[in-house]
N, C-alpha and C. Protein backbone atom coordinates (compact mmCIF):
# COMPACT_ATOMS: atom_id res chain seq x y z
N MET A 1 8.78 17.74 2.96
CA MET A 1 9.91 17.56 2.06
C MET A 1 9.81 16.20 1.39
N ALA A 2 10.09 16.14 0.14
CA ALA A 2 10.03 14.87 -0.59
C ALA A 2 11.15 13.95 -0.14
N THR A 3 10.87 12.64 -0.21
CA THR A 3 11.88 11.65 0.11
C THR A 3 12.27 10.91 -1.15
N THR A 4 12.29 11.61 -2.25
CA THR A 4 12.55 10.98 -3.53
C THR A 4 14.01 10.61 -3.68
N GLU A 5 14.24 9.64 -4.56
CA GLU A 5 15.60 9.21 -4.88
C GLU A 5 15.59 8.76 -6.33
N ALA A 6 16.65 9.05 -7.05
CA ALA A 6 16.73 8.61 -8.43
C ALA A 6 16.57 7.10 -8.50
N GLU A 7 15.83 6.65 -9.50
CA GLU A 7 15.53 5.23 -9.59
C GLU A 7 15.72 4.74 -11.01
N THR A 8 16.46 3.66 -11.16
CA THR A 8 16.58 3.00 -12.46
C THR A 8 15.44 2.01 -12.60
N PRO A 9 14.66 2.06 -13.67
CA PRO A 9 13.55 1.13 -13.83
C PRO A 9 14.03 -0.31 -13.72
N LEU A 10 13.25 -1.13 -13.02
CA LEU A 10 13.63 -2.52 -12.85
C LEU A 10 13.46 -3.28 -14.15
N SER A 11 14.30 -4.30 -14.34
CA SER A 11 14.13 -5.18 -15.48
C SER A 11 13.15 -6.27 -15.08
N GLY A 12 12.21 -6.55 -15.94
CA GLY A 12 11.18 -7.54 -15.64
C GLY A 12 9.91 -7.20 -16.38
N SER A 13 8.95 -8.09 -16.31
CA SER A 13 7.70 -7.90 -17.03
C SER A 13 6.82 -6.87 -16.32
N LEU A 14 6.28 -5.96 -17.09
CA LEU A 14 5.36 -4.97 -16.56
C LEU A 14 3.98 -5.60 -16.42
N ARG A 15 3.46 -5.62 -15.20
CA ARG A 15 2.15 -6.22 -14.94
C ARG A 15 1.17 -5.15 -14.51
N SER A 16 -0.10 -5.39 -14.81
CA SER A 16 -1.15 -4.41 -14.53
C SER A 16 -2.04 -4.86 -13.38
N LEU A 17 -2.41 -3.92 -12.54
CA LEU A 17 -3.44 -4.14 -11.52
C LEU A 17 -4.59 -3.20 -11.84
N PRO A 18 -5.73 -3.74 -12.32
CA PRO A 18 -6.84 -2.89 -12.72
C PRO A 18 -7.41 -2.07 -11.56
N ALA A 19 -7.95 -0.94 -11.89
CA ALA A 19 -8.58 -0.07 -10.90
C ALA A 19 -9.59 -0.84 -10.07
N LYS A 20 -9.62 -0.57 -8.78
CA LYS A 20 -10.60 -1.12 -7.83
C LYS A 20 -10.40 -2.60 -7.53
N SER A 21 -9.28 -3.19 -7.96
CA SER A 21 -9.06 -4.62 -7.73
C SER A 21 -7.81 -4.84 -6.89
N GLY A 22 -7.59 -6.11 -6.51
CA GLY A 22 -6.43 -6.46 -5.71
C GLY A 22 -5.68 -7.64 -6.29
N ILE A 23 -4.46 -7.84 -5.81
CA ILE A 23 -3.64 -8.95 -6.29
C ILE A 23 -2.66 -9.34 -5.19
N ALA A 24 -2.32 -10.64 -5.12
CA ALA A 24 -1.30 -11.14 -4.20
C ALA A 24 -0.11 -11.61 -5.03
N VAL A 25 1.09 -11.15 -4.65
CA VAL A 25 2.30 -11.43 -5.42
C VAL A 25 3.35 -12.05 -4.49
N PRO A 26 3.80 -13.29 -4.77
CA PRO A 26 4.85 -13.88 -3.95
C PRO A 26 6.20 -13.24 -4.24
N LEU A 27 6.95 -12.96 -3.18
CA LEU A 27 8.31 -12.42 -3.32
C LEU A 27 9.24 -13.25 -2.45
N THR A 28 10.42 -13.53 -2.96
CA THR A 28 11.44 -14.18 -2.15
C THR A 28 12.36 -13.12 -1.56
N LYS A 29 13.05 -13.48 -0.48
CA LYS A 29 13.92 -12.53 0.20
C LYS A 29 14.91 -11.92 -0.79
N GLY A 30 15.00 -10.59 -0.80
CA GLY A 30 15.91 -9.88 -1.68
C GLY A 30 15.28 -9.39 -2.97
N GLN A 31 14.11 -9.92 -3.33
CA GLN A 31 13.45 -9.46 -4.54
C GLN A 31 12.93 -8.03 -4.36
N LEU A 32 12.83 -7.31 -5.48
CA LEU A 32 12.32 -5.96 -5.50
C LEU A 32 10.99 -5.92 -6.25
N ILE A 33 10.10 -5.06 -5.80
CA ILE A 33 8.88 -4.79 -6.54
C ILE A 33 8.74 -3.28 -6.70
N GLN A 34 8.63 -2.84 -7.94
CA GLN A 34 8.42 -1.43 -8.26
C GLN A 34 6.94 -1.22 -8.52
N ILE A 35 6.31 -0.36 -7.72
CA ILE A 35 4.87 -0.09 -7.83
C ILE A 35 4.71 1.27 -8.48
N ILE A 36 4.13 1.26 -9.68
CA ILE A 36 4.10 2.46 -10.54
C ILE A 36 2.71 3.09 -10.53
N ASN A 37 2.67 4.36 -10.17
CA ASN A 37 1.40 5.10 -10.17
C ASN A 37 1.17 5.61 -11.59
N THR A 38 0.70 4.73 -12.44
CA THR A 38 0.69 4.94 -13.89
C THR A 38 0.02 6.24 -14.30
N HIS A 39 -1.14 6.52 -13.72
CA HIS A 39 -1.91 7.70 -14.12
C HIS A 39 -1.84 8.83 -13.09
N GLY A 40 -1.17 8.58 -11.96
CA GLY A 40 -1.08 9.58 -10.90
C GLY A 40 -2.30 9.56 -10.00
N LYS A 41 -2.12 10.00 -8.76
CA LYS A 41 -3.20 10.21 -7.79
C LYS A 41 -3.86 8.92 -7.29
N GLN A 42 -3.32 7.75 -7.60
CA GLN A 42 -3.96 6.51 -7.20
C GLN A 42 -3.29 5.92 -5.96
N VAL A 43 -4.07 5.73 -4.90
CA VAL A 43 -3.58 5.11 -3.68
C VAL A 43 -3.51 3.60 -3.85
N VAL A 44 -2.47 2.99 -3.28
CA VAL A 44 -2.32 1.53 -3.31
C VAL A 44 -2.21 1.03 -1.87
N ASP A 45 -3.28 0.41 -1.37
CA ASP A 45 -3.22 -0.24 -0.06
C ASP A 45 -2.31 -1.46 -0.20
N THR A 46 -1.36 -1.59 0.71
CA THR A 46 -0.31 -2.61 0.57
C THR A 46 -0.14 -3.37 1.88
N TRP A 47 -0.07 -4.70 1.77
CA TRP A 47 0.17 -5.57 2.92
C TRP A 47 1.27 -6.57 2.56
N ALA A 48 1.87 -7.19 3.58
CA ALA A 48 2.84 -8.25 3.35
C ALA A 48 2.63 -9.33 4.41
N ILE A 49 2.58 -10.58 3.96
CA ILE A 49 2.35 -11.74 4.83
C ILE A 49 3.58 -12.63 4.79
N ASP A 50 4.10 -13.00 5.94
CA ASP A 50 5.25 -13.88 6.06
C ASP A 50 4.90 -15.25 5.45
N SER A 51 5.70 -15.71 4.49
CA SER A 51 5.42 -16.97 3.82
C SER A 51 5.53 -18.17 4.76
N CYS A 52 6.35 -18.05 5.80
CA CYS A 52 6.54 -19.17 6.72
C CYS A 52 5.53 -19.18 7.86
N ASP A 53 4.89 -18.04 8.10
CA ASP A 53 3.94 -17.93 9.21
C ASP A 53 2.90 -16.88 8.87
N PRO A 54 1.73 -17.31 8.37
CA PRO A 54 0.70 -16.34 7.96
C PRO A 54 0.21 -15.44 9.09
N ALA A 55 0.46 -15.82 10.34
CA ALA A 55 0.07 -14.96 11.46
C ALA A 55 1.04 -13.79 11.63
N SER A 56 2.18 -13.85 10.95
CA SER A 56 3.17 -12.77 10.98
C SER A 56 2.99 -11.92 9.73
N HIS A 57 2.83 -10.61 9.91
CA HIS A 57 2.52 -9.74 8.78
C HIS A 57 3.07 -8.34 9.01
N LEU A 58 3.17 -7.59 7.94
CA LEU A 58 3.53 -6.18 8.01
C LEU A 58 2.59 -5.47 8.97
N SER A 59 3.16 -4.76 9.93
CA SER A 59 2.36 -4.10 10.96
C SER A 59 2.67 -2.61 11.00
N MET A 60 1.64 -1.80 10.79
CA MET A 60 1.85 -0.36 10.83
C MET A 60 2.13 0.14 12.23
N GLU A 61 1.45 -0.41 13.25
CA GLU A 61 1.69 0.08 14.61
C GLU A 61 3.10 -0.27 15.08
N HIS A 62 3.60 -1.46 14.72
CA HIS A 62 4.95 -1.83 15.10
C HIS A 62 5.98 -1.05 14.29
N THR A 63 5.67 -0.76 13.03
CA THR A 63 6.57 0.04 12.20
C THR A 63 6.67 1.46 12.71
N ARG A 64 5.55 2.06 13.11
CA ARG A 64 5.59 3.41 13.67
C ARG A 64 6.45 3.45 14.93
N ALA A 65 6.32 2.42 15.77
CA ALA A 65 7.13 2.37 16.99
C ALA A 65 8.61 2.18 16.67
N SER A 66 8.90 1.42 15.61
CA SER A 66 10.28 1.17 15.22
C SER A 66 10.94 2.41 14.62
N LEU A 67 10.19 3.09 13.73
CA LEU A 67 10.74 4.25 13.03
C LEU A 67 10.54 5.56 13.78
N LEU A 68 9.58 5.57 14.70
CA LEU A 68 9.16 6.80 15.38
C LEU A 68 8.75 7.86 14.36
N LYS A 69 7.99 7.40 13.35
CA LYS A 69 7.51 8.26 12.27
C LYS A 69 6.10 7.83 11.88
N ILE A 70 5.35 8.73 11.26
CA ILE A 70 4.02 8.38 10.77
C ILE A 70 3.98 8.34 9.24
N SER A 71 5.15 8.37 8.62
CA SER A 71 5.26 8.09 7.19
C SER A 71 6.60 7.40 6.99
N ILE A 72 6.93 7.11 5.73
CA ILE A 72 8.18 6.40 5.47
C ILE A 72 8.99 7.14 4.41
N GLY A 73 10.28 6.91 4.43
CA GLY A 73 11.18 7.49 3.44
C GLY A 73 12.16 6.44 2.95
N VAL A 74 12.88 6.78 1.91
CA VAL A 74 13.86 5.86 1.33
C VAL A 74 14.86 5.41 2.40
N GLY A 75 15.06 4.09 2.45
CA GLY A 75 15.97 3.51 3.44
C GLY A 75 15.28 2.98 4.66
N ASP A 76 14.01 3.32 4.86
CA ASP A 76 13.27 2.85 6.04
C ASP A 76 12.87 1.38 5.87
N THR A 77 13.05 0.62 6.94
CA THR A 77 12.65 -0.78 6.96
C THR A 77 11.40 -0.92 7.81
N LEU A 78 10.40 -1.56 7.24
CA LEU A 78 9.13 -1.79 7.90
C LEU A 78 9.16 -3.17 8.55
N VAL A 79 8.43 -3.33 9.65
CA VAL A 79 8.53 -4.56 10.43
C VAL A 79 7.17 -5.23 10.60
N THR A 80 7.24 -6.48 11.07
CA THR A 80 6.04 -7.28 11.30
C THR A 80 5.51 -7.05 12.72
N ASN A 81 4.39 -7.72 13.00
CA ASN A 81 3.84 -7.71 14.36
C ASN A 81 4.74 -8.47 15.34
N ASN A 82 5.76 -9.16 14.84
CA ASN A 82 6.80 -9.75 15.69
C ASN A 82 8.06 -8.90 15.72
N ARG A 83 7.97 -7.69 15.14
CA ARG A 83 9.07 -6.72 15.10
C ARG A 83 10.26 -7.21 14.27
N THR A 84 9.96 -8.02 13.26
CA THR A 84 10.98 -8.55 12.35
C THR A 84 10.96 -7.77 11.04
N PRO A 85 12.09 -7.38 10.48
CA PRO A 85 12.09 -6.67 9.19
C PRO A 85 11.39 -7.49 8.11
N ILE A 86 10.53 -6.81 7.34
CA ILE A 86 9.80 -7.51 6.28
C ILE A 86 9.91 -6.80 4.93
N LEU A 87 9.93 -5.47 4.92
CA LEU A 87 10.05 -4.70 3.68
C LEU A 87 10.94 -3.48 3.93
N THR A 88 11.69 -3.09 2.90
CA THR A 88 12.44 -1.84 2.95
C THR A 88 12.09 -1.01 1.72
N LEU A 89 11.83 0.28 1.94
CA LEU A 89 11.60 1.20 0.82
C LEU A 89 12.97 1.60 0.27
N VAL A 90 13.32 1.12 -0.91
CA VAL A 90 14.67 1.36 -1.45
C VAL A 90 14.71 2.49 -2.47
N ALA A 91 13.56 2.89 -3.01
CA ALA A 91 13.53 4.02 -3.94
C ALA A 91 12.12 4.59 -3.98
N ASP A 92 12.04 5.89 -4.25
CA ASP A 92 10.74 6.57 -4.28
C ASP A 92 10.88 7.80 -5.17
N THR A 93 10.24 7.77 -6.34
CA THR A 93 10.30 8.93 -7.24
C THR A 93 9.09 9.85 -7.08
N SER A 94 8.20 9.51 -6.14
CA SER A 94 7.07 10.38 -5.82
C SER A 94 7.53 11.44 -4.82
N PRO A 95 6.67 12.40 -4.45
CA PRO A 95 7.06 13.37 -3.42
C PRO A 95 7.24 12.76 -2.03
N GLY A 96 7.00 11.47 -1.89
CA GLY A 96 7.25 10.81 -0.61
C GLY A 96 6.13 10.93 0.40
N VAL A 97 4.91 11.20 -0.07
CA VAL A 97 3.77 11.33 0.83
C VAL A 97 3.00 10.01 0.84
N HIS A 98 3.09 9.29 1.97
CA HIS A 98 2.43 8.01 2.15
C HIS A 98 1.79 8.00 3.54
N ASP A 99 0.89 7.06 3.77
CA ASP A 99 0.14 7.03 5.03
C ASP A 99 0.32 5.71 5.77
N LEU A 100 0.54 5.80 7.09
CA LEU A 100 0.65 4.62 7.94
C LEU A 100 -0.43 4.61 9.02
N LEU A 101 -1.49 5.42 8.87
CA LEU A 101 -2.46 5.60 9.94
C LEU A 101 -3.86 5.05 9.64
N ILE A 102 -4.30 5.14 8.40
CA ILE A 102 -5.71 4.94 8.07
C ILE A 102 -6.01 3.49 7.70
N ALA A 103 -7.11 2.97 8.24
CA ALA A 103 -7.56 1.61 7.93
C ALA A 103 -8.07 1.54 6.49
N SER A 104 -8.08 0.34 5.95
CA SER A 104 -8.59 0.13 4.58
C SER A 104 -10.09 0.41 4.51
N CYS A 105 -10.54 0.85 3.34
CA CYS A 105 -11.97 1.04 3.14
C CYS A 105 -12.68 -0.31 3.13
N ASP A 106 -13.94 -0.31 3.61
CA ASP A 106 -14.75 -1.52 3.64
C ASP A 106 -16.21 -1.15 3.41
N ILE A 107 -17.07 -2.14 3.39
CA ILE A 107 -18.48 -1.87 3.08
C ILE A 107 -19.12 -0.96 4.13
N ASN A 108 -18.69 -1.08 5.38
CA ASN A 108 -19.26 -0.23 6.43
C ASN A 108 -18.84 1.22 6.25
N ARG A 109 -17.60 1.43 5.81
CA ARG A 109 -17.13 2.79 5.55
C ARG A 109 -17.96 3.45 4.46
N TYR A 110 -18.23 2.72 3.39
CA TYR A 110 -19.02 3.30 2.30
C TYR A 110 -20.46 3.57 2.72
N ALA A 111 -21.01 2.70 3.56
CA ALA A 111 -22.36 2.94 4.08
C ALA A 111 -22.39 4.24 4.89
N GLN A 112 -21.35 4.47 5.70
CA GLN A 112 -21.26 5.71 6.48
C GLN A 112 -21.16 6.93 5.58
N LEU A 113 -20.59 6.74 4.39
CA LEU A 113 -20.44 7.85 3.43
C LEU A 113 -21.68 8.02 2.56
N GLY A 114 -22.71 7.22 2.82
CA GLY A 114 -23.98 7.38 2.11
C GLY A 114 -24.14 6.52 0.87
N VAL A 115 -23.22 5.60 0.64
CA VAL A 115 -23.32 4.72 -0.53
C VAL A 115 -24.36 3.64 -0.26
N GLU A 116 -25.28 3.44 -1.19
CA GLU A 116 -26.29 2.40 -1.07
C GLU A 116 -25.86 1.19 -1.90
N GLY A 117 -26.03 0.00 -1.33
CA GLY A 117 -25.64 -1.20 -2.04
C GLY A 117 -24.15 -1.46 -1.95
N TYR A 118 -23.69 -2.44 -2.70
CA TYR A 118 -22.28 -2.84 -2.61
C TYR A 118 -21.36 -1.85 -3.30
N HIS A 119 -20.19 -1.66 -2.71
CA HIS A 119 -19.14 -0.83 -3.30
C HIS A 119 -17.83 -1.61 -3.18
N ASN A 120 -17.08 -1.72 -4.26
CA ASN A 120 -15.75 -2.35 -4.18
C ASN A 120 -14.96 -1.71 -3.06
N ASN A 121 -14.15 -2.50 -2.37
CA ASN A 121 -13.40 -1.96 -1.25
C ASN A 121 -12.11 -2.75 -1.04
N CYS A 122 -11.17 -2.14 -0.34
CA CYS A 122 -9.84 -2.73 -0.17
C CYS A 122 -9.86 -3.97 0.73
N VAL A 123 -10.75 -3.99 1.73
CA VAL A 123 -10.82 -5.16 2.60
C VAL A 123 -11.20 -6.40 1.80
N ASP A 124 -12.24 -6.29 0.97
CA ASP A 124 -12.63 -7.43 0.15
C ASP A 124 -11.54 -7.79 -0.85
N ASN A 125 -10.87 -6.77 -1.40
CA ASN A 125 -9.77 -7.05 -2.34
C ASN A 125 -8.66 -7.85 -1.66
N PHE A 126 -8.38 -7.54 -0.39
CA PHE A 126 -7.37 -8.26 0.38
C PHE A 126 -7.73 -9.74 0.51
N TYR A 127 -8.95 -10.00 0.93
CA TYR A 127 -9.38 -11.39 1.12
C TYR A 127 -9.41 -12.15 -0.21
N VAL A 128 -9.95 -11.54 -1.25
CA VAL A 128 -10.05 -12.21 -2.55
C VAL A 128 -8.68 -12.52 -3.12
N ALA A 129 -7.75 -11.55 -3.02
CA ALA A 129 -6.40 -11.74 -3.56
C ALA A 129 -5.68 -12.88 -2.85
N LEU A 130 -5.80 -12.96 -1.54
CA LEU A 130 -5.11 -14.02 -0.80
C LEU A 130 -5.79 -15.37 -0.99
N LYS A 131 -7.10 -15.38 -1.11
CA LYS A 131 -7.79 -16.64 -1.37
C LYS A 131 -7.30 -17.26 -2.67
N ALA A 132 -7.01 -16.43 -3.66
CA ALA A 132 -6.55 -16.92 -4.96
C ALA A 132 -5.21 -17.64 -4.88
N VAL A 133 -4.42 -17.35 -3.83
CA VAL A 133 -3.13 -18.03 -3.67
C VAL A 133 -3.14 -18.98 -2.48
N GLY A 134 -4.33 -19.30 -1.99
CA GLY A 134 -4.47 -20.32 -0.95
C GLY A 134 -4.21 -19.87 0.46
N ILE A 135 -4.28 -18.57 0.72
CA ILE A 135 -4.09 -18.03 2.07
C ILE A 135 -5.43 -17.50 2.57
N HIS A 136 -5.79 -17.85 3.81
CA HIS A 136 -7.10 -17.50 4.34
C HIS A 136 -6.95 -16.80 5.69
N PRO A 137 -6.63 -15.53 5.69
CA PRO A 137 -6.44 -14.80 6.95
C PRO A 137 -7.76 -14.60 7.69
N ARG A 138 -7.66 -14.45 8.99
CA ARG A 138 -8.86 -14.24 9.81
C ARG A 138 -9.23 -12.76 9.94
N SER A 139 -8.27 -11.90 9.70
CA SER A 139 -8.53 -10.47 9.83
C SER A 139 -7.63 -9.70 8.87
N VAL A 140 -7.89 -8.41 8.73
CA VAL A 140 -7.14 -7.57 7.81
C VAL A 140 -6.24 -6.62 8.61
N PRO A 141 -4.93 -6.73 8.48
CA PRO A 141 -4.06 -5.78 9.17
C PRO A 141 -4.24 -4.37 8.61
N SER A 142 -3.85 -3.39 9.39
CA SER A 142 -3.84 -2.02 8.88
C SER A 142 -2.82 -1.93 7.75
N PRO A 143 -3.17 -1.27 6.64
CA PRO A 143 -2.30 -1.28 5.47
C PRO A 143 -1.26 -0.18 5.46
N LEU A 144 -0.24 -0.39 4.65
CA LEU A 144 0.65 0.69 4.22
C LEU A 144 -0.04 1.33 3.02
N ASN A 145 -0.48 2.57 3.16
CA ASN A 145 -1.21 3.26 2.10
C ASN A 145 -0.24 4.08 1.25
N LEU A 146 0.32 3.42 0.24
CA LEU A 146 1.26 4.10 -0.64
C LEU A 146 0.55 5.21 -1.41
N PHE A 147 1.18 6.36 -1.47
CA PHE A 147 0.74 7.54 -2.22
C PHE A 147 -0.47 8.25 -1.57
N MET A 148 -0.93 7.79 -0.42
CA MET A 148 -2.10 8.41 0.22
C MET A 148 -1.68 9.64 1.01
N ASN A 149 -2.46 10.70 0.90
CA ASN A 149 -2.15 11.99 1.51
C ASN A 149 -3.13 12.27 2.66
N VAL A 150 -2.64 12.11 3.89
CA VAL A 150 -3.45 12.36 5.08
C VAL A 150 -2.73 13.41 5.93
N PRO A 151 -2.98 14.70 5.66
CA PRO A 151 -2.30 15.74 6.43
C PRO A 151 -2.66 15.69 7.90
N VAL A 152 -1.66 15.94 8.75
CA VAL A 152 -1.87 16.02 10.19
C VAL A 152 -1.72 17.48 10.60
N ALA A 153 -2.79 18.07 11.13
CA ALA A 153 -2.78 19.48 11.52
C ALA A 153 -2.07 19.66 12.86
N SER A 154 -1.78 20.91 13.20
CA SER A 154 -1.04 21.21 14.44
C SER A 154 -1.82 20.79 15.68
N ASP A 155 -3.15 20.69 15.57
CA ASP A 155 -3.97 20.26 16.71
C ASP A 155 -4.14 18.74 16.75
N GLY A 156 -3.46 18.04 15.83
CA GLY A 156 -3.52 16.59 15.81
C GLY A 156 -4.63 16.02 14.95
N SER A 157 -5.47 16.87 14.38
CA SER A 157 -6.58 16.38 13.56
C SER A 157 -6.06 15.93 12.19
N LEU A 158 -6.81 15.00 11.58
CA LEU A 158 -6.45 14.45 10.28
C LEU A 158 -7.46 14.88 9.23
N SER A 159 -7.05 14.84 7.98
CA SER A 159 -7.97 15.09 6.87
C SER A 159 -7.54 14.25 5.69
N PHE A 160 -8.48 14.04 4.77
CA PHE A 160 -8.18 13.33 3.53
C PHE A 160 -7.96 14.36 2.43
N ALA A 161 -6.80 14.29 1.79
CA ALA A 161 -6.48 15.22 0.72
C ALA A 161 -6.10 14.45 -0.54
N GLU A 162 -6.16 15.13 -1.65
CA GLU A 162 -5.80 14.50 -2.93
C GLU A 162 -4.32 14.12 -2.93
N PRO A 163 -3.98 12.95 -3.42
CA PRO A 163 -2.56 12.57 -3.50
C PRO A 163 -1.76 13.58 -4.31
N VAL A 164 -0.48 13.68 -3.99
CA VAL A 164 0.39 14.63 -4.70
C VAL A 164 1.27 13.93 -5.72
N CYS A 165 1.16 12.60 -5.84
CA CYS A 165 1.98 11.88 -6.81
C CYS A 165 1.45 12.10 -8.22
N GLU A 166 2.36 12.10 -9.18
CA GLU A 166 2.00 12.34 -10.58
C GLU A 166 2.19 11.06 -11.40
N ALA A 167 1.66 11.08 -12.60
CA ALA A 167 1.71 9.91 -13.47
C ALA A 167 3.14 9.44 -13.68
N GLY A 168 3.34 8.13 -13.54
CA GLY A 168 4.64 7.52 -13.78
C GLY A 168 5.56 7.46 -12.58
N GLN A 169 5.22 8.14 -11.50
CA GLN A 169 6.05 8.07 -10.31
C GLN A 169 5.84 6.72 -9.62
N SER A 170 6.83 6.31 -8.82
CA SER A 170 6.78 4.94 -8.29
C SER A 170 7.53 4.81 -6.97
N CYS A 171 7.26 3.70 -6.30
CA CYS A 171 8.00 3.27 -5.12
C CYS A 171 8.56 1.88 -5.38
N THR A 172 9.72 1.60 -4.85
CA THR A 172 10.30 0.26 -4.95
C THR A 172 10.56 -0.28 -3.55
N LEU A 173 10.03 -1.48 -3.30
CA LEU A 173 10.18 -2.15 -2.02
C LEU A 173 11.03 -3.40 -2.18
N ARG A 174 11.87 -3.68 -1.17
CA ARG A 174 12.66 -4.90 -1.15
C ARG A 174 12.13 -5.84 -0.08
N ALA A 175 11.93 -7.10 -0.46
CA ALA A 175 11.48 -8.11 0.50
C ALA A 175 12.64 -8.50 1.42
N GLU A 176 12.41 -8.42 2.73
CA GLU A 176 13.44 -8.80 3.69
C GLU A 176 13.25 -10.23 4.19
N MET A 177 12.25 -10.92 3.67
CA MET A 177 12.00 -12.33 3.95
C MET A 177 11.13 -12.85 2.80
N ASP A 178 10.94 -14.14 2.71
CA ASP A 178 9.97 -14.68 1.76
C ASP A 178 8.58 -14.25 2.22
N LEU A 179 7.81 -13.68 1.31
CA LEU A 179 6.53 -13.11 1.70
C LEU A 179 5.55 -13.10 0.54
N THR A 180 4.30 -12.84 0.88
CA THR A 180 3.28 -12.55 -0.13
C THR A 180 2.88 -11.10 0.02
N LEU A 181 3.08 -10.32 -1.04
CA LEU A 181 2.71 -8.91 -1.04
C LEU A 181 1.32 -8.77 -1.64
N VAL A 182 0.45 -8.07 -0.95
CA VAL A 182 -0.91 -7.84 -1.43
C VAL A 182 -1.08 -6.36 -1.73
N MET A 183 -1.61 -6.05 -2.90
CA MET A 183 -1.87 -4.66 -3.28
C MET A 183 -3.33 -4.51 -3.70
N SER A 184 -3.93 -3.41 -3.32
CA SER A 184 -5.27 -3.05 -3.75
C SER A 184 -5.23 -1.66 -4.36
N ALA A 185 -5.64 -1.55 -5.63
CA ALA A 185 -5.78 -0.23 -6.26
C ALA A 185 -7.07 0.36 -5.69
N CYS A 186 -6.94 1.18 -4.68
CA CYS A 186 -8.06 1.60 -3.82
C CYS A 186 -9.27 2.07 -4.62
N PRO A 187 -10.47 1.54 -4.29
CA PRO A 187 -11.69 1.91 -5.02
C PRO A 187 -12.38 3.18 -4.51
N GLN A 188 -11.74 3.90 -3.59
CA GLN A 188 -12.41 5.06 -2.97
C GLN A 188 -12.63 6.18 -4.01
N ASP A 189 -13.90 6.42 -4.31
CA ASP A 189 -14.26 7.47 -5.26
C ASP A 189 -15.28 8.44 -4.68
N VAL A 190 -15.44 8.41 -3.35
CA VAL A 190 -16.40 9.29 -2.69
C VAL A 190 -15.69 10.48 -2.05
N THR A 191 -14.50 10.24 -1.48
CA THR A 191 -13.68 11.28 -0.87
C THR A 191 -12.54 11.64 -1.84
N PRO A 192 -11.70 12.63 -1.50
CA PRO A 192 -10.59 13.01 -2.40
C PRO A 192 -9.41 12.04 -2.39
N VAL A 193 -9.53 10.90 -1.72
CA VAL A 193 -8.40 9.99 -1.51
C VAL A 193 -7.65 9.66 -2.80
N ASN A 194 -8.38 9.40 -3.88
CA ASN A 194 -7.74 9.10 -5.17
C ASN A 194 -7.92 10.23 -6.18
N GLY A 195 -8.11 11.43 -5.69
CA GLY A 195 -8.29 12.57 -6.59
C GLY A 195 -9.62 12.53 -7.32
N GLY A 196 -10.61 11.82 -6.75
CA GLY A 196 -11.95 11.80 -7.33
C GLY A 196 -12.19 10.73 -8.37
N LYS A 197 -11.17 9.91 -8.67
CA LYS A 197 -11.36 8.83 -9.64
C LYS A 197 -10.41 7.69 -9.28
N CYS A 198 -10.67 6.53 -9.86
CA CYS A 198 -9.82 5.36 -9.60
C CYS A 198 -9.16 4.93 -10.89
N ALA A 199 -7.93 4.44 -10.79
CA ALA A 199 -7.16 4.13 -12.00
C ALA A 199 -6.35 2.86 -11.81
N ASP A 200 -5.95 2.26 -12.93
CA ASP A 200 -5.04 1.12 -12.92
C ASP A 200 -3.68 1.57 -12.39
N ILE A 201 -2.94 0.61 -11.84
CA ILE A 201 -1.53 0.82 -11.57
C ILE A 201 -0.76 -0.31 -12.24
N HIS A 202 0.55 -0.19 -12.29
CA HIS A 202 1.39 -1.25 -12.84
C HIS A 202 2.52 -1.58 -11.87
N PHE A 203 3.11 -2.74 -12.03
CA PHE A 203 4.21 -3.11 -11.16
C PHE A 203 5.17 -4.04 -11.89
N ILE A 204 6.40 -4.05 -11.40
CA ILE A 204 7.46 -4.89 -11.95
C ILE A 204 8.14 -5.60 -10.79
N VAL A 205 8.33 -6.91 -10.91
CA VAL A 205 9.06 -7.69 -9.92
C VAL A 205 10.38 -8.13 -10.55
N THR A 206 11.47 -7.96 -9.82
CA THR A 206 12.76 -8.44 -10.28
C THR A 206 13.30 -9.47 -9.32
């Protein structure tokens, strides 16, 4: 069932995140960020780092324990590895299919998929985006994979399926503390994760 909710577009400058790249965006407590799936089918790996303590970050394992869910819906608050609220999903015009289970793609993942040589990946996008704002994390937390479709079968097995979000649909997150939000327009073009192609996304901060 979709977890959609009517959403009024945020007022603010529309910014672009090019396909296969990442960006770090500072947010103060109470600010909203609307993440727009401009062309549809594009997964956005998303992280949040506590501005006061870089060792504190959005944690999928702690969020799953808090919500007792493996996806998120409107009104859900996501927490840090210290179990502190960090983000709330306040609106979602997509069908509400997101993933809290799968690790970000990296060079080793692409090698396993038969890719030779370098391939853009979300792990490198995470490090590059944070380096640009002076943050140097030692590791990459498991991401919130917005718009990613990972069906769970009755036997517990997982699969990668094409996203069900369409062009122009979006999610809006509210910062529950001062934080740095990191987004990667996922470069995965080997599996159906992004519907077989990678695309730009856009976002608005208010």
